[in-house]
Protein backbone atom coordinates (compact mmCIF):
# COMPACT_ATOMS: atom_id res chain seq x y z
CA MET A 1 41.91 182.02 166.67
CA SER A 2 43.20 183.50 163.41
CA GLU A 3 45.11 186.78 163.42
CA VAL A 4 46.11 188.98 160.50
CA GLN A 5 48.12 192.20 160.72
CA THR A 6 48.31 195.19 158.42
CA ILE A 7 49.13 198.91 158.69
CA ILE A 8 46.82 201.74 157.72
CA LYS A 9 48.67 204.95 156.93
CA PHE A 10 47.32 208.46 156.32
CA ASP A 11 49.71 210.97 154.78
CA GLY A 12 49.58 214.73 154.20
CA PRO A 13 50.77 218.09 155.52
CA VAL A 14 48.18 218.07 158.31
CA LEU A 15 50.13 215.16 159.83
CA ALA A 16 53.48 216.98 159.90
CA GLU A 17 53.31 217.20 163.70
CA LYS A 18 52.76 213.41 163.95
CA ALA A 19 49.24 213.91 165.30
CA MET A 20 45.84 213.26 163.75
CA ASP A 21 42.53 214.83 164.68
CA VAL A 22 40.47 212.19 166.48
CA ALA A 23 37.38 213.57 164.71
CA ASP A 24 38.95 212.39 161.44
CA LEU A 25 40.61 209.20 162.68
CA ALA A 26 37.88 207.66 164.84
CA PRO A 27 35.11 207.51 162.18
CA SER A 28 37.56 206.00 159.70
CA LEU A 29 38.69 203.25 162.08
CA ILE A 30 35.11 202.53 163.19
CA ALA A 31 34.09 202.24 159.53
CA LEU A 32 36.98 199.80 158.94
CA SER A 33 35.84 197.73 161.91
CA ASP A 34 32.24 197.78 160.64
CA LEU A 35 33.41 196.84 157.13
CA LEU A 36 35.33 193.79 158.34
CA LYS A 37 32.49 192.69 160.61
CA LEU A 38 29.96 193.02 157.77
CA ALA A 39 32.19 190.90 155.55
CA ASN A 40 32.65 188.30 158.27
CA LYS A 41 28.89 188.25 158.89
CA HIS A 42 28.22 187.79 155.18
CA PHE A 43 30.55 184.82 154.79
CA ASN A 44 30.35 183.22 158.24
CA GLY A 45 27.01 184.25 159.73
CA ASP A 46 27.10 183.78 163.51
CA ARG A 47 29.77 181.08 163.37
CA SER A 48 32.65 183.46 164.05
CA GLY A 49 33.42 186.84 165.56
CA LEU A 50 35.84 189.56 164.52
CA LYS A 51 37.46 192.29 166.56
CA ILE A 52 39.91 195.01 165.55
CA LEU A 53 42.86 195.98 167.75
CA VAL A 54 44.75 199.22 167.04
CA ASN A 55 48.32 200.16 167.98
CA ALA A 56 49.55 203.63 167.02
CA ASP A 57 53.02 204.17 165.50
CA LEU A 58 53.49 207.89 165.97
CA GLU A 59 56.97 207.92 164.45
CA GLN A 60 55.66 206.87 161.06
CA ASN A 61 52.22 208.50 161.25
CA CYS A 62 50.53 205.13 160.75
CA PHE A 63 48.28 202.85 162.75
CA GLU A 64 48.78 199.10 163.03
CA LEU A 65 45.65 196.99 163.01
CA ALA A 66 45.81 193.50 164.48
CA ILE A 67 42.75 191.66 163.19
CA SER A 68 41.51 188.53 164.93
CA LEU A 69 38.87 186.19 163.55
CA VAL A 70 37.63 183.65 166.11
CA GLN A 71 36.89 180.42 164.27
CA THR A 72 34.38 178.71 166.53
CA ILE A 73 30.74 177.73 166.24
CA TRP A 74 27.92 177.13 168.68
CA ASP A 75 26.00 173.90 168.19
CA ALA A 76 22.48 173.20 169.39
CA THR A 77 23.76 172.35 172.89
CA ASN A 78 25.65 175.65 173.19
CA SER A 79 29.06 173.96 173.18
CA LEU A 80 31.94 175.35 171.18
CA ILE A 81 33.10 173.21 168.27
CA ALA A 82 35.50 173.75 165.38
CA ASP A 83 34.01 174.57 161.97
CA ASP A 84 36.08 173.80 158.89
CA ASN A 85 33.71 175.90 156.75
CA VAL A 86 34.47 179.19 158.50
CA ILE A 87 36.21 181.62 156.14
CA LYS A 88 39.57 182.58 157.63
CA ALA A 89 40.46 186.15 158.60
CA LYS A 90 43.26 186.25 156.03
CA GLU A 91 40.88 185.44 153.16
CA ILE A 92 38.40 188.11 154.24
CA ALA A 93 41.19 190.68 154.58
CA GLU A 94 42.55 189.72 151.13
CA TRP A 95 39.14 190.04 149.49
CA ILE A 96 38.73 193.50 151.03
CA GLY A 97 42.28 194.47 150.05
CA ILE A 98 43.93 195.36 153.34
CA VAL A 99 46.52 192.54 153.21
CA THR A 100 48.43 190.81 150.45
CA GLY A 101 46.70 188.48 148.05
CA GLY A 102 44.68 190.99 146.07
CA GLY A 103 41.53 188.92 146.27
CA GLY A 104 42.76 186.06 144.08
CA VAL A 105 41.66 186.11 140.43
CA GLY A 106 43.37 188.95 138.58
CA GLY A 107 44.63 190.41 141.87
CA ILE A 108 41.48 192.55 142.28
CA SER A 109 40.13 193.16 145.78
CA LEU A 110 37.06 195.08 146.95
CA TYR A 111 39.09 198.28 147.29
CA GLY A 112 40.75 197.64 143.92
CA LEU A 113 37.33 197.19 142.31
CA ILE A 114 36.03 200.40 143.92
CA LYS A 115 38.99 202.32 142.45
CA LEU A 116 38.51 200.71 139.04
CA LEU A 117 34.74 201.23 138.75
CA LYS A 118 34.50 204.74 140.23
CA GLY A 119 32.85 206.95 137.62
CA LYS A 120 32.47 204.08 135.12
CA LYS A 121 29.36 202.46 133.65
CA VAL A 122 28.90 198.70 133.65
CA LYS A 123 27.24 197.16 130.59
CA GLY A 124 27.25 193.52 131.63
CA VAL A 125 28.13 191.12 134.43
CA THR A 126 28.61 187.37 134.01
CA VAL A 127 29.24 184.69 136.63
CA LEU A 128 31.90 182.26 135.38
CA LYS A 129 31.86 178.67 136.61
CA GLN A 130 35.26 177.34 137.68
CA GLN A 131 36.19 173.66 137.88
CA ASP A 132 37.55 174.03 141.40
CA GLY A 133 34.21 175.44 142.56
CA LYS A 134 35.64 178.92 143.16
CA ASN A 135 33.48 180.91 140.76
CA SER A 136 34.56 184.26 139.38
CA VAL A 137 32.59 187.21 138.03
CA GLN A 138 33.42 189.06 134.81
CA ILE A 139 32.43 192.73 134.75
CA HIS A 140 32.22 194.42 131.33
CA ILE A 141 32.89 198.15 131.47
CA HIS A 142 31.02 200.41 129.04
CA GLY A 143 32.90 202.55 126.55
CA ASP A 144 36.44 201.22 126.50
CA GLY A 145 35.74 197.57 125.73
CA ASN A 146 37.53 196.47 128.89
CA SER A 147 36.43 193.82 131.32
CA VAL A 148 37.71 192.76 134.71
CA THR A 149 37.39 189.36 136.38
CA VAL A 150 37.17 189.15 140.16
CA PRO A 151 36.55 186.31 142.63
CA GLN A 152 32.89 185.80 143.45
CA PRO A 153 33.45 186.81 147.12
CA VAL A 154 34.83 190.20 145.98
CA TYR A 155 31.78 190.66 143.73
CA GLU A 156 29.47 189.70 146.61
CA LEU A 157 31.06 192.30 148.88
CA TYR A 158 30.91 195.05 146.24
CA SER A 159 27.27 194.24 145.42
CA LYS A 160 26.21 194.99 149.03
CA SER A 161 25.51 198.72 149.38
CA ASP A 162 26.24 198.75 153.13
CA VAL A 163 29.66 197.20 152.53
CA ARG A 164 30.50 199.75 149.81
CA ARG A 165 29.37 202.57 152.08
CA LYS A 166 31.62 201.46 154.95
CA ALA A 167 34.57 200.94 152.59
CA VAL A 168 34.18 204.53 151.37
CA GLU A 169 33.80 205.90 154.92
CA VAL A 170 37.26 204.54 155.74
CA MET A 171 38.65 206.90 153.07
CA ARG A 172 36.62 209.91 154.19
CA PRO A 173 39.54 211.84 155.79
CA LEU A 174 41.01 212.23 152.28
CA THR A 175 38.12 214.56 151.41
CA LYS A 176 39.42 217.06 153.98
CA GLU A 177 42.18 219.60 153.53
CA GLY A 178 45.62 218.45 154.58
CA TYR A 179 45.19 214.75 153.80
CA ASP A 180 46.79 213.48 150.58
CA SER A 181 46.81 209.69 150.68
CA LEU A 182 45.73 206.54 152.48
CA SER A 183 47.44 203.17 152.16
CA PHE A 184 47.36 199.68 153.60
CA TYR A 185 50.80 198.14 153.76
CA LYS A 186 53.21 195.96 155.70
CA GLY A 187 56.98 196.25 155.37
CA LYS A 188 57.75 197.15 151.76
CA ASN A 189 54.48 195.72 150.40
CA VAL A 190 51.69 198.21 149.67
CA PHE A 191 48.41 196.32 149.33
CA GLU A 192 46.13 199.21 148.34
CA SER A 193 46.65 202.98 148.21
CA PHE A 194 44.33 205.91 147.54
CA SER A 195 44.67 209.57 146.64
CA LYS A 196 41.99 212.23 146.96
CA ASN A 197 40.81 211.52 143.40
CA ASP A 198 40.16 207.87 144.24
CA VAL A 199 37.52 208.59 146.89
CA PRO A 200 33.93 208.02 145.68
CA SER A 201 31.20 210.49 146.55
CA GLU A 202 29.55 210.26 149.94
CA GLN A 203 26.28 209.23 148.27
CA GLY A 204 28.06 206.52 146.27
CA ASP A 205 26.32 207.55 143.05
CA ASP A 206 29.60 207.30 141.12
CA LEU A 207 29.92 203.58 141.95
CA PRO A 208 27.85 201.51 139.47
CA GLU A 209 25.72 198.56 140.50
CA VAL A 210 26.94 195.15 139.29
CA ILE A 211 24.04 192.81 138.53
CA PRO A 212 24.79 189.53 136.71
CA THR A 213 22.79 188.95 133.54
CA ASN A 214 22.93 185.17 133.96
CA VAL A 215 21.29 185.01 137.38
CA ILE A 216 17.64 183.95 137.61
CA LYS A 217 15.62 184.85 140.72
CA SER A 218 12.23 183.23 141.39
CA SER A 219 9.68 183.93 144.14
CA ILE A 220 7.96 180.76 145.35
CA HIS A 221 5.00 180.51 147.73
CA THR A 222 5.29 177.03 149.20
CA THR A 223 5.35 174.83 152.29
CA VAL A 224 8.67 173.60 153.69
CA ARG A 225 9.57 171.35 156.61
CA ILE A 226 11.94 172.41 159.39
CA ARG A 227 14.92 170.12 159.74
CA LYS A 228 17.35 172.28 161.75
CA PRO A 229 16.33 175.73 163.00
CA ALA A 230 18.61 178.45 164.38
CA TYR A 231 17.66 179.02 168.01
CA GLU A 232 20.18 181.86 168.30
CA GLY A 233 21.69 184.38 165.91
CA ARG A 234 21.22 184.62 162.18
CA SER A 235 22.67 181.33 160.94
CA LYS A 236 20.98 179.59 158.03
CA TRP A 237 18.12 177.17 158.61
CA THR A 238 18.10 173.67 157.19
CA ILE A 239 14.70 173.01 155.66
CA VAL A 240 13.25 170.41 153.32
CA TYR A 241 12.11 171.79 149.96
CA LYS A 242 12.29 169.05 147.32
CA LYS A 243 15.37 167.99 149.32
CA ALA A 244 17.28 169.24 152.36
CA ILE A 245 18.60 172.78 151.72
CA ASP A 246 20.14 175.62 153.73
CA ALA A 247 18.24 178.90 153.59
CA GLU A 248 18.86 182.38 154.97
CA MET A 249 16.04 183.60 157.21
CA GLN A 250 15.12 187.20 156.34
CA ASP A 251 11.78 187.43 158.16
CA GLU A 252 13.34 189.23 161.13
CA GLU A 253 10.07 189.86 162.98
CA TRP A 254 9.06 186.18 162.89
CA LEU A 255 12.60 185.01 163.76
CA THR A 256 12.77 187.27 166.83
CA LYS A 257 9.45 185.89 168.11
CA PHE A 258 10.62 182.31 167.48
CA GLN A 259 13.93 182.83 169.29
CA THR A 260 12.20 184.46 172.27
CA ASN A 261 9.71 181.56 172.58
CA GLN A 262 6.73 183.62 171.43
CA ILE A 263 6.21 181.21 168.53
CA ASP A 264 6.44 177.43 168.77
CA ALA A 265 7.90 175.69 165.71
CA PRO A 266 9.72 172.48 166.69
CA PRO A 267 11.68 170.42 164.14
CA ASN A 268 9.47 168.65 161.58
CA SER A 269 6.95 171.48 161.76
CA GLN A 270 5.98 172.87 158.38
CA LEU A 271 6.25 176.52 157.42
CA VAL A 272 4.12 178.27 154.82
CA VAL A 273 6.66 180.66 153.31
CA ASP A 274 7.63 182.98 150.49
CA LEU A 275 10.88 181.47 149.27
CA GLU A 276 13.37 183.18 146.93
CA GLU A 277 15.40 180.88 144.68
CA THR A 278 18.52 182.17 142.90
CA ILE A 279 20.09 180.17 140.06
CA VAL A 280 23.28 181.01 138.16
CA THR A 281 23.28 179.78 134.55
CA ASN A 282 25.83 179.51 131.75
CA GLU A 283 25.48 180.83 128.20
CA ARG A 284 23.22 177.86 127.36
CA GLY A 285 20.87 178.60 130.25
CA GLU A 286 22.08 175.60 132.28
CA ALA A 287 22.49 175.88 136.04
CA VAL A 288 26.19 175.97 136.98
CA GLU A 289 25.79 175.56 140.75
CA GLU A 290 23.29 174.64 143.42
CA PRO A 291 20.47 177.21 143.88
CA ILE A 292 20.64 179.71 146.73
CA TYR A 293 17.53 180.01 148.91
CA VAL A 294 16.22 182.82 151.12
CA ILE A 295 13.08 182.69 153.27
CA LYS A 296 11.56 186.12 152.70
CA LYS A 297 8.33 185.75 154.70
CA ILE A 298 6.68 183.17 156.98
CA HIS A 299 2.90 183.14 156.84
CA ASN A 300 1.99 180.18 159.05
CA VAL A 301 3.35 177.31 161.14
CA LEU A 302 1.88 173.82 160.78
CA PRO A 303 2.87 171.66 163.78
CA PRO A 304 4.16 168.13 163.15
CA PRO A 305 1.52 165.39 163.24
CA LYS A 306 1.08 163.74 166.63
CA GLN A 307 1.90 160.08 166.86
CA GLU A 308 -0.97 158.08 168.23
CA GLU A 309 -0.16 155.96 171.23
CA MET A 310 -0.45 152.25 170.48
CA LYS A 311 -2.67 150.29 172.87
CA PHE A 312 -2.02 146.64 173.65
């Protein structure tokens, strides 16, 4: 179990009596919980769980959040095993911006990027290959000639509209009279802080999309072979397409039927699918990392060939 602690603090004249309207507080904390769970789901799938614990410090008008990320994984036999590939709670919290670390490259977190890009226009986005395998993304801002470089995980979080929406909902109390600021801090270290002017619109139309110009997406209608399915949850499937690859399963209707035994597709069965392939390239058009695959639609299941019994 991994645990990270931070403090969320609302400030303003409405809090002079050291009390906060639950109608303002509850949606904000629920949005923070949803935000962290979405981020954990994005990076870890069903391999880990995340829960948010809240302790109120009424003397300081702040609320301590103890965040626990359970780093366990279910294997095919439903036994718990350790998974070295699970992203730790501290990294997720850093990428979001609620604890120290600032997301890594350039010290920009998700919340820092939201503050920076609010009301701006983006003219270009480039994925930069790093030798250590930790890619970064350079965002070119229109008008002032500036650019900002963020870790790829921060870019991935920002690029998801549901993540942005939850991040903004956490700040929603600042849109009401009597609230002046919101901050995440611990001790003397303030990780991120916001004033009323920093809060994006409820519709999010003042937050620009960030779409890399060096990313190639292809739709492929093909047949793949099942190597390792996910009998529970939304973990990636291992399939054989040219070679063994991991692919996200986005055909929710088919997956639900498979996991409830309405469809039979044992390992080594073949699937007729619509497959999406995403490739990141450099300035010369060369791939800089392994392609990312998503199964968009399953059209048919072809059972594995039966082995004929040998007669002596």
